[in-house]
């Protein structure tokens, strides 16, 4: 059974259309995946920056306490020791 030229073109067109749809779906999935990855990375960077700010704040509080303890005299040191033992 021999197909005429028109039938060959129609079959070729349909196969090309199916192939194009499959490639398009795959491309969309890859693009969505890349977008989700970028959003995840951006959110992790934001969380990381917030943690850095908190650590810097705690570090400055620690430095202030170190200076405060360093300037204590003997009576103040004893009071601080009793306060820490109570806690």
N, C-alpha and C. Protein backbone atom coordinates (compact mmCIF):
# COMPACT_ATOMS: atom_id res chain seq x y z
N UNK A 1 0.84 -1.16 0.00
CA UNK A 1 0.00 0.00 0.00
C UNK A 1 0.89 1.23 0.00
N UNK A 2 0.73 2.05 -1.00
CA UNK A 2 1.59 3.20 -1.17
C UNK A 2 0.83 4.45 -0.76
N UNK A 3 1.51 5.29 0.07
CA UNK A 3 0.88 6.53 0.53
C UNK A 3 1.18 7.64 -0.47
N UNK A 4 0.23 8.49 -0.70
CA UNK A 4 0.49 9.61 -1.59
C UNK A 4 1.23 10.71 -0.81
N UNK A 5 1.71 11.72 -1.50
CA UNK A 5 2.53 12.77 -0.90
C UNK A 5 1.79 13.54 0.20
N UNK A 6 0.53 13.80 0.00
CA UNK A 6 -0.25 14.55 0.99
C UNK A 6 -0.30 13.80 2.32
N UNK A 7 -0.51 12.51 2.28
CA UNK A 7 -0.58 11.70 3.50
C UNK A 7 0.77 11.68 4.20
N UNK A 8 1.85 11.62 3.43
CA UNK A 8 3.19 11.66 4.02
C UNK A 8 3.42 12.99 4.75
N UNK A 9 3.01 14.09 4.14
CA UNK A 9 3.18 15.41 4.76
C UNK A 9 2.34 15.53 6.03
N UNK A 10 1.14 15.00 5.99
CA UNK A 10 0.27 15.06 7.17
C UNK A 10 0.87 14.24 8.31
N UNK A 11 1.34 13.04 8.00
CA UNK A 11 1.98 12.20 9.03
C UNK A 11 3.22 12.88 9.60
N UNK A 12 4.04 13.45 8.72
CA UNK A 12 5.24 14.16 9.17
C UNK A 12 4.88 15.35 10.04
N UNK A 13 3.85 16.09 9.65
CA UNK A 13 3.41 17.25 10.43
C UNK A 13 2.92 16.82 11.81
N UNK A 14 2.14 15.75 11.87
CA UNK A 14 1.61 15.27 13.16
C UNK A 14 2.74 14.79 14.06
N UNK A 15 3.69 14.04 13.51
CA UNK A 15 4.84 13.59 14.31
C UNK A 15 5.67 14.78 14.80
N UNK A 16 5.88 15.77 13.95
CA UNK A 16 6.61 16.97 14.35
C UNK A 16 5.88 17.74 15.44
N UNK A 17 4.56 17.81 15.32
CA UNK A 17 3.76 18.50 16.32
C UNK A 17 3.86 17.80 17.67
N UNK A 18 3.76 16.48 17.67
CA UNK A 18 3.87 15.71 18.92
C UNK A 18 5.26 15.89 19.53
N UNK A 19 6.29 15.82 18.72
CA UNK A 19 7.66 16.02 19.20
C UNK A 19 7.83 17.43 19.77
N UNK A 20 7.29 18.42 19.10
CA UNK A 20 7.38 19.80 19.58
C UNK A 20 6.68 19.98 20.92
N UNK A 21 5.52 19.35 21.07
CA UNK A 21 4.79 19.45 22.35
C UNK A 21 5.60 18.81 23.47
N UNK A 22 6.17 17.63 23.21
CA UNK A 22 6.96 16.95 24.23
C UNK A 22 8.18 17.77 24.64
N UNK A 23 8.86 18.34 23.67
CA UNK A 23 10.03 19.18 23.97
C UNK A 23 9.62 20.44 24.73
N UNK A 24 8.48 21.01 24.36
CA UNK A 24 7.99 22.21 25.05
C UNK A 24 7.65 21.93 26.50
N UNK A 25 7.02 20.80 26.76
CA UNK A 25 6.70 20.43 28.15
C UNK A 25 7.97 20.23 28.95
N UNK A 26 8.95 19.57 28.37
CA UNK A 26 10.21 19.35 29.07
C UNK A 26 10.91 20.68 29.36
N UNK A 27 10.92 21.59 28.42
CA UNK A 27 11.56 22.89 28.61
C UNK A 27 10.86 23.66 29.73
N UNK A 28 9.55 23.61 29.78
CA UNK A 28 8.80 24.32 30.83
C UNK A 28 9.12 23.76 32.21
N UNK A 29 9.25 22.45 32.31
CA UNK A 29 9.59 21.83 33.59
C UNK A 29 10.98 22.25 34.04
N UNK A 30 11.94 22.29 33.10
CA UNK A 30 13.30 22.70 33.44
C UNK A 30 13.32 24.16 33.89
N UNK A 31 12.59 25.01 33.21
CA UNK A 31 12.54 26.43 33.56
C UNK A 31 11.92 26.62 34.94
N UNK A 32 10.85 25.90 35.22
CA UNK A 32 10.21 26.00 36.53
C UNK A 32 11.14 25.50 37.62
N UNK A 33 11.87 24.45 37.35
CA UNK A 33 12.80 23.89 38.33
C UNK A 33 13.91 24.89 38.64
N UNK A 34 14.44 25.55 37.61
CA UNK A 34 15.49 26.55 37.81
C UNK A 34 14.96 27.72 38.61
N UNK A 35 13.74 28.13 38.36
CA UNK A 35 13.13 29.24 39.07
C UNK A 35 12.95 28.90 40.54
N UNK A 36 12.47 27.69 40.83
CA UNK A 36 12.29 27.26 42.22
C UNK A 36 13.62 27.18 42.94
N UNK A 37 14.66 26.72 42.26
CA UNK A 37 15.98 26.64 42.86
C UNK A 37 16.50 28.03 43.20
N UNK A 38 16.30 28.99 42.30
CA UNK A 38 16.75 30.36 42.54
C UNK A 38 16.00 30.96 43.73
N UNK A 39 14.69 30.72 43.82
CA UNK A 39 13.92 31.24 44.94
C UNK A 39 14.38 30.62 46.26
N UNK A 40 14.71 29.34 46.25
CA UNK A 40 15.19 28.67 47.45
C UNK A 40 16.53 29.25 47.88
N UNK A 41 17.41 29.47 46.93
CA UNK A 41 18.71 30.04 47.25
C UNK A 41 18.55 31.45 47.81
N UNK A 42 17.67 32.27 47.21
CA UNK A 42 17.45 33.62 47.70
C UNK A 42 16.90 33.61 49.12
N UNK A 43 15.98 32.70 49.42
CA UNK A 43 15.42 32.65 50.77
C UNK A 43 16.47 32.19 51.78
N UNK A 44 17.34 31.27 51.38
CA UNK A 44 18.41 30.83 52.27
C UNK A 44 19.42 31.95 52.53
N UNK A 45 19.69 32.76 51.53
CA UNK A 45 20.59 33.90 51.70
C UNK A 45 19.99 34.89 52.69
N UNK A 46 18.68 35.14 52.58
CA UNK A 46 18.01 36.06 53.50
C UNK A 46 18.06 35.55 54.93
N UNK A 47 17.81 34.26 55.12
CA UNK A 47 17.87 33.66 56.46
C UNK A 47 19.29 33.75 57.00
N UNK A 48 20.26 33.48 56.15
CA UNK A 48 21.66 33.56 56.55
C UNK A 48 22.03 34.97 57.00
N UNK A 49 21.57 35.98 56.28
CA UNK A 49 21.85 37.36 56.65
C UNK A 49 21.21 37.72 57.98
N UNK A 50 19.98 37.25 58.23
CA UNK A 50 19.32 37.52 59.51
C UNK A 50 20.08 36.88 60.66
N UNK A 51 20.56 35.66 60.45
CA UNK A 51 21.34 34.98 61.49
C UNK A 51 22.63 35.72 61.77
N UNK A 52 23.29 36.22 60.72
CA UNK A 52 24.52 37.00 60.91
C UNK A 52 24.26 38.23 61.76
N UNK A 53 23.15 38.92 61.52
CA UNK A 53 22.80 40.12 62.28
C UNK A 53 22.58 39.75 63.75
N UNK A 54 21.87 38.65 64.01
CA UNK A 54 21.63 38.21 65.38
C UNK A 54 22.95 37.88 66.08
N UNK A 55 23.85 37.20 65.38
CA UNK A 55 25.14 36.83 65.97
C UNK A 55 25.95 38.08 66.28
N UNK A 56 25.95 39.05 65.38
CA UNK A 56 26.67 40.30 65.63
C UNK A 56 26.10 41.02 66.85
N UNK A 57 24.78 40.99 66.99
CA UNK A 57 24.14 41.63 68.13
C UNK A 57 24.54 40.93 69.43
N UNK A 58 24.50 39.61 69.43
CA UNK A 58 24.91 38.85 70.62
C UNK A 58 26.38 39.05 70.93
N UNK A 59 27.19 39.16 69.89
CA UNK A 59 28.62 39.39 70.09
C UNK A 59 28.87 40.75 70.73
N UNK A 60 28.12 41.76 70.32
CA UNK A 60 28.29 43.09 70.93
C UNK A 60 27.83 43.08 72.39
N UNK A 61 26.77 42.34 72.70
CA UNK A 61 26.33 42.21 74.09
C UNK A 61 27.41 41.50 74.91
N UNK A 62 27.98 40.45 74.35
CA UNK A 62 29.05 39.71 75.05
C UNK A 62 30.24 40.63 75.31
N UNK A 63 30.63 41.42 74.32
CA UNK A 63 31.76 42.33 74.50
C UNK A 63 31.48 43.34 75.61
N UNK A 64 30.24 43.84 75.67
CA UNK A 64 29.88 44.79 76.73
C UNK A 64 29.95 44.13 78.09
N UNK A 65 29.51 42.88 78.19
CA UNK A 65 29.57 42.16 79.47
C UNK A 65 31.02 41.88 79.86
N UNK A 66 31.87 41.57 78.92
CA UNK A 66 33.29 41.32 79.21
C UNK A 66 33.92 42.59 79.76
N UNK A 67 33.63 43.72 79.16
CA UNK A 67 34.16 45.00 79.65
C UNK A 67 33.62 45.27 81.05
N UNK A 68 32.33 45.01 81.26
CA UNK A 68 31.70 45.23 82.56
C UNK A 68 32.35 44.36 83.63
N UNK A 69 32.59 43.11 83.34
CA UNK A 69 33.21 42.20 84.31
C UNK A 69 34.67 42.57 84.52
N UNK A 70 35.33 43.01 83.48
CA UNK A 70 36.74 43.39 83.60
C UNK A 70 36.95 44.59 84.50
N UNK A 71 35.96 45.44 84.66
CA UNK A 71 36.11 46.65 85.48
C UNK A 71 35.59 46.46 86.90
N UNK A 72 35.20 45.25 87.28
CA UNK A 72 34.66 45.01 88.62
C UNK A 72 35.77 45.00 89.66
N UNK A 73 35.45 45.52 90.85
CA UNK A 73 36.36 45.40 91.97
C UNK A 73 36.01 44.12 92.73
N UNK A 74 36.68 43.85 93.82
CA UNK A 74 36.50 42.58 94.54
C UNK A 74 35.08 42.42 95.08
N UNK A 75 34.51 43.47 95.68
CA UNK A 75 33.15 43.36 96.22
C UNK A 75 32.13 43.11 95.10
N UNK A 76 32.27 43.80 94.01
CA UNK A 76 31.35 43.63 92.89
C UNK A 76 31.48 42.23 92.29
N UNK A 77 32.71 41.72 92.25
CA UNK A 77 32.93 40.37 91.72
C UNK A 77 32.23 39.34 92.60
N UNK A 78 32.32 39.52 93.91
CA UNK A 78 31.67 38.61 94.84
C UNK A 78 30.15 38.66 94.68
N UNK A 79 29.58 39.87 94.52
CA UNK A 79 28.13 40.01 94.32
C UNK A 79 27.70 39.33 93.01
N UNK A 80 28.48 39.52 91.95
CA UNK A 80 28.17 38.89 90.68
C UNK A 80 28.22 37.36 90.79
N UNK A 81 29.21 36.85 91.53
CA UNK A 81 29.33 35.41 91.72
C UNK A 81 28.09 34.86 92.44
N UNK A 82 27.65 35.52 93.51
CA UNK A 82 26.46 35.07 94.24
C UNK A 82 25.21 35.14 93.35
N UNK A 83 25.13 36.18 92.52
CA UNK A 83 23.99 36.32 91.62
C UNK A 83 23.96 35.16 90.61
N UNK A 84 25.12 34.81 90.08
CA UNK A 84 25.18 33.73 89.11
C UNK A 84 24.89 32.37 89.76
N UNK A 85 25.31 32.20 91.02
CA UNK A 85 25.05 30.95 91.72
C UNK A 85 23.57 30.79 91.98
N UNK A 86 22.86 31.89 92.28
CA UNK A 86 21.42 31.83 92.53
C UNK A 86 20.65 31.43 91.28
N UNK A 87 21.11 31.87 90.11
CA UNK A 87 20.43 31.56 88.85
C UNK A 87 20.67 30.13 88.50
